[in-house]
C-alpha atoms as a PDB file:
ATOM      1  CA  GLN A   1      16.032   6.445   9.396  1.00  0.00           C
ATOM      2  CA  VAL A   2      12.636   6.251   7.752  1.00  0.00           C
ATOM      3  CA  GLN A   3       9.928   4.462   9.734  1.00  0.00           C
ATOM      4  CA  LEU A   4       6.551   3.334   8.467  1.00  0.00           C
ATOM      5  CA  VAL A   5       3.580   2.360  10.544  1.00  0.00           C
ATOM      6  CA  ASP A   6       0.597   0.675   8.930  1.00  0.00           C
ATOM      7  CA  SER A   7      -2.899   0.668  10.392  1.00  0.00           C
ATOM      8  CA  GLY A   8      -6.549   0.347   9.472  1.00  0.00           C
ATOM      9  CA  GLY A   9      -6.975  -3.358   8.749  1.00  0.00           C
ATOM     10  CA  GLY A  10      -9.746  -5.455  10.092  1.00  0.00           C
ATOM     11  CA  LEU A  11     -12.440  -8.119   9.473  1.00  0.00           C
ATOM     12  CA  VAL A  12     -15.106  -7.060   6.986  1.00  0.00           C
ATOM     13  CA  GLN A  13     -17.676  -8.658   4.737  1.00  0.00           C
ATOM     14  CA  ALA A  14     -17.476  -8.852   0.904  1.00  0.00           C
ATOM     15  CA  GLY A  15     -18.627  -5.605  -0.572  1.00  0.00           C
ATOM     16  CA  ASP A  16     -17.527  -3.456   2.410  1.00  0.00           C
ATOM     17  CA  SER A  17     -14.833  -0.801   2.434  1.00  0.00           C
ATOM     18  CA  LEU A  18     -11.703  -0.125   4.511  1.00  0.00           C
ATOM     19  CA  ARG A  19      -9.167   2.571   4.530  1.00  0.00           C
ATOM     20  CA  LEU A  20      -5.525   1.747   5.364  1.00  0.00           C
ATOM     21  CA  SER A  21      -3.160   4.351   6.637  1.00  0.00           C
ATOM     22  CA  CYS A  22       0.633   4.508   6.550  1.00  0.00           C
ATOM     23  CA  SER A  23       2.351   7.047   8.818  1.00  0.00           C
ATOM     24  CA  VAL A  24       5.847   8.004   7.723  1.00  0.00           C
ATOM     25  CA  SER A  25       8.516   9.473   9.988  1.00  0.00           C
ATOM     26  CA  GLY A  26      12.182  10.225   9.717  1.00  0.00           C
ATOM     27  CA  GLY A  27      11.959  11.589   6.187  1.00  0.00           C
ATOM     28  CA  SER A  28      10.030  13.803   3.825  1.00  0.00           C
ATOM     29  CA  LEU A  29       7.270  11.873   2.166  1.00  0.00           C
ATOM     30  CA  ARG A  30       7.551  13.777  -1.106  1.00  0.00           C
ATOM     31  CA  THR A  31      11.087  12.326  -1.684  1.00  0.00           C
ATOM     32  CA  TYR A  32       9.900   8.686  -1.640  1.00  0.00           C
ATOM     33  CA  THR A  33       7.938   6.459  -3.972  1.00  0.00           C
ATOM     34  CA  MET A  34       5.236   5.069  -1.775  1.00  0.00           C
ATOM     35  CA  THR A  35       3.668   1.670  -2.472  1.00  0.00           C
ATOM     36  CA  TRP A  36       1.229  -0.791  -0.907  1.00  0.00           C
ATOM     37  CA  PHE A  37       1.958  -4.517  -1.170  1.00  0.00           C
ATOM     38  CA  ARG A  38      -0.020  -7.428   0.179  1.00  0.00           C
ATOM     39  CA  GLN A  39       0.739 -10.984   1.126  1.00  0.00           C
ATOM     40  CA  PRO A  40      -2.243 -13.443   0.885  1.00  0.00           C
ATOM     41  CA  PRO A  41      -2.081 -16.566   3.122  1.00  0.00           C
ATOM     42  CA  GLY A  42       0.455 -18.983   1.717  1.00  0.00           C
ATOM     43  CA  LYS A  43       1.468 -16.774  -1.148  1.00  0.00           C
ATOM     44  CA  GLU A  44       4.255 -14.318  -1.956  1.00  0.00           C
ATOM     45  CA  ARG A  45       4.107 -10.612  -1.423  1.00  0.00           C
ATOM     46  CA  GLU A  46       2.449  -8.795  -4.333  1.00  0.00           C
ATOM     47  CA  PHE A  47       2.199  -5.302  -5.583  1.00  0.00           C
ATOM     48  CA  VAL A  48      -1.088  -3.480  -5.078  1.00  0.00           C
ATOM     49  CA  ALA A  49      -0.681   0.256  -5.809  1.00  0.00           C
ATOM     50  CA  GLY A  50       2.054   2.841  -5.866  1.00  0.00           C
ATOM     51  CA  ILE A  51       2.630   6.545  -6.178  1.00  0.00           C
ATOM     52  CA  ARG A  52       5.914   7.453  -7.848  1.00  0.00           C
ATOM     53  CA  GLN A  53       8.326   9.959  -6.184  1.00  0.00           C
ATOM     54  CA  THR A  54       9.045  12.399  -8.995  1.00  0.00           C
ATOM     55  CA  THR A  55       5.990  12.286 -11.194  1.00  0.00           C
ATOM     56  CA  SER A  56       3.326  11.412  -8.585  1.00  0.00           C
ATOM     57  CA  THR A  57       1.862   9.102 -11.170  1.00  0.00           C
ATOM     58  CA  ILE A  58      -0.239   6.279  -9.768  1.00  0.00           C
ATOM     59  CA  HIS A  59      -0.150   2.613 -10.690  1.00  0.00           C
ATOM     60  CA  TYR A  60      -2.435  -0.262  -9.724  1.00  0.00           C
ATOM     61  CA  THR A  61      -2.390  -3.958 -10.172  1.00  0.00           C
ATOM     62  CA  ASN A  62      -5.249  -4.989 -12.457  1.00  0.00           C
ATOM     63  CA  SER A  63      -7.197  -6.813  -9.875  1.00  0.00           C
ATOM     64  CA  VAL A  64      -7.797  -3.707  -7.798  1.00  0.00           C
ATOM     65  CA  LYS A  65      -8.354  -1.094 -10.530  1.00  0.00           C
ATOM     66  CA  GLY A  66     -11.588   0.737 -10.044  1.00  0.00           C
ATOM     67  CA  ARG A  67     -11.886  -0.515  -6.427  1.00  0.00           C
ATOM     68  CA  PHE A  68      -8.827   0.733  -4.653  1.00  0.00           C
ATOM     69  CA  THR A  69      -7.386   4.261  -4.495  1.00  0.00           C
ATOM     70  CA  ILE A  70      -3.904   5.243  -3.257  1.00  0.00           C
ATOM     71  CA  SER A  71      -3.286   8.775  -2.040  1.00  0.00           C
ATOM     72  CA  ARG A  72      -0.689  10.658  -0.215  1.00  0.00           C
ATOM     73  CA  ASP A  73      -0.739  13.679   2.111  1.00  0.00           C
ATOM     74  CA  ASN A  74       2.786  15.135   1.948  1.00  0.00           C
ATOM     75  CA  ALA A  75       2.078  17.781   4.568  1.00  0.00           C
ATOM     76  CA  ASN A  76       1.156  15.244   7.173  1.00  0.00           C
ATOM     77  CA  ASN A  77       3.480  12.419   5.998  1.00  0.00           C
ATOM     78  CA  MET A  78       0.571   9.987   5.435  1.00  0.00           C
ATOM     79  CA  VAL A  79      -0.234   7.515   2.687  1.00  0.00           C
ATOM     80  CA  TYR A  80      -3.658   5.935   2.335  1.00  0.00           C
ATOM     81  CA  LEU A  81      -5.227   3.018   0.548  1.00  0.00           C
ATOM     82  CA  GLN A  82      -8.965   3.322   0.194  1.00  0.00           C
ATOM     83  CA  MET A  83     -10.402  -0.092  -0.568  1.00  0.00           C
ATOM     84  CA  ASN A  84     -14.016  -0.418  -1.819  1.00  0.00           C
ATOM     85  CA  SER A  85     -16.098  -3.367  -2.970  1.00  0.00           C
ATOM     86  CA  LEU A  86     -13.766  -5.756  -1.062  1.00  0.00           C
ATOM     87  CA  LYS A  87     -13.636  -9.339  -2.177  1.00  0.00           C
ATOM     88  CA  THR A  88     -12.628 -12.477  -0.357  1.00  0.00           C
ATOM     89  CA  GLU A  89      -9.514 -12.671  -2.512  1.00  0.00           C
ATOM     90  CA  ASP A  90      -8.351  -9.301  -1.067  1.00  0.00           C
ATOM     91  CA  THR A  91      -7.673 -11.093   2.208  1.00  0.00           C
ATOM     92  CA  ALA A  92      -3.994 -10.547   3.048  1.00  0.00           C
ATOM     93  CA  VAL A  93      -1.521  -8.733   5.201  1.00  0.00           C
ATOM     94  CA  TYR A  94      -1.076  -5.312   3.733  1.00  0.00           C
ATOM     95  CA  TYR A  95       2.238  -3.439   3.909  1.00  0.00           C
ATOM     96  CA  CYS A  96       3.281   0.036   2.878  1.00  0.00           C
ATOM     97  CA  ALA A  97       6.745   0.479   1.566  1.00  0.00           C
ATOM     98  CA  ALA A  98       9.009   3.356   0.583  1.00  0.00           C
ATOM     99  CA  ALA A  99      11.927   3.780  -1.756  1.00  0.00           C
ATOM    100  CA  ARG A 100      13.873   6.520  -3.469  1.00  0.00           C
ATOM    101  CA  ASN A 101      14.957   6.831  -7.031  1.00  0.00           C
ATOM    102  CA  LEU A 102      12.899   3.892  -8.133  1.00  0.00           C
ATOM    103  CA  ILE A 103      12.468   3.408 -11.852  1.00  0.00           C
ATOM    104  CA  LEU A 104       9.077   2.479 -13.180  1.00  0.00           C
ATOM    105  CA  SER A 105      10.064  -1.086 -14.083  1.00  0.00           C
ATOM    106  CA  SER A 106      11.030  -1.723 -10.408  1.00  0.00           C
ATOM    107  CA  LEU A 107       7.820  -0.380  -8.881  1.00  0.00           C
ATOM    108  CA  SER A 108       6.329  -3.775  -8.282  1.00  0.00           C
ATOM    109  CA  GLU A 109       9.462  -5.488  -6.941  1.00  0.00           C
ATOM    110  CA  PRO A 110       9.430  -5.836  -3.146  1.00  0.00           C
ATOM    111  CA  SER A 111      13.222  -6.253  -3.069  1.00  0.00           C
ATOM    112  CA  ARG A 112      13.666  -2.731  -4.329  1.00  0.00           C
ATOM    113  CA  TYR A 113      12.137  -1.205  -1.169  1.00  0.00           C
ATOM    114  CA  PRO A 114      14.344  -0.691   1.848  1.00  0.00           C
ATOM    115  CA  TYR A 115      11.645   0.603   4.172  1.00  0.00           C
ATOM    116  CA  TRP A 116       8.491  -1.259   5.267  1.00  0.00           C
ATOM    117  CA  GLY A 117       5.646  -1.007   7.598  1.00  0.00           C
ATOM    118  CA  GLN A 118       4.902  -3.800  10.038  1.00  0.00           C
ATOM    119  CA  GLY A 119       1.808  -4.880   8.101  1.00  0.00           C
ATOM    120  CA  THR A 120      -1.937  -4.740   8.875  1.00  0.00           C
ATOM    121  CA  GLN A 121      -4.310  -7.706   8.425  1.00  0.00           C
ATOM    122  CA  VAL A 122      -7.300  -7.413   6.135  1.00  0.00           C
ATOM    123  CA  THR A 123      -9.745 -10.261   6.218  1.00  0.00           C
ATOM    124  CA  VAL A 124     -12.778 -10.273   3.901  1.00  0.00           C
ATOM    125  CA  SER A 125     -15.457 -12.812   4.674  1.00  0.00           C
ATOM    126  CA  SER A 126     -18.112 -14.007   2.168  1.00  0.00           C
END
């Protein structure tokens, strides 16, 4: 059974940086598509960034392109989300998620992911 543990959130000011981490256990990281989602207050969970299982190609939602970077360390079963130039609208609970055999069109759909971290709160103040 794959288990994910998110960490690294906190309270920062606009323009600051944070790095989120996702520790993966119970499975080999290289066999999963790994994705970060976030859920802003009062809103639905939304896709942020993902690295696909087979191609290792990376995808970002438009609002974070150029500011966020997703990466994976297969040897240590870790996934990271480096977040720079944070904005108040980035405030949310951030979750890492894992899935196998995910087609590109399903990358941004939370319902396609069977494994989730517990979430880590990111709050960006103005």
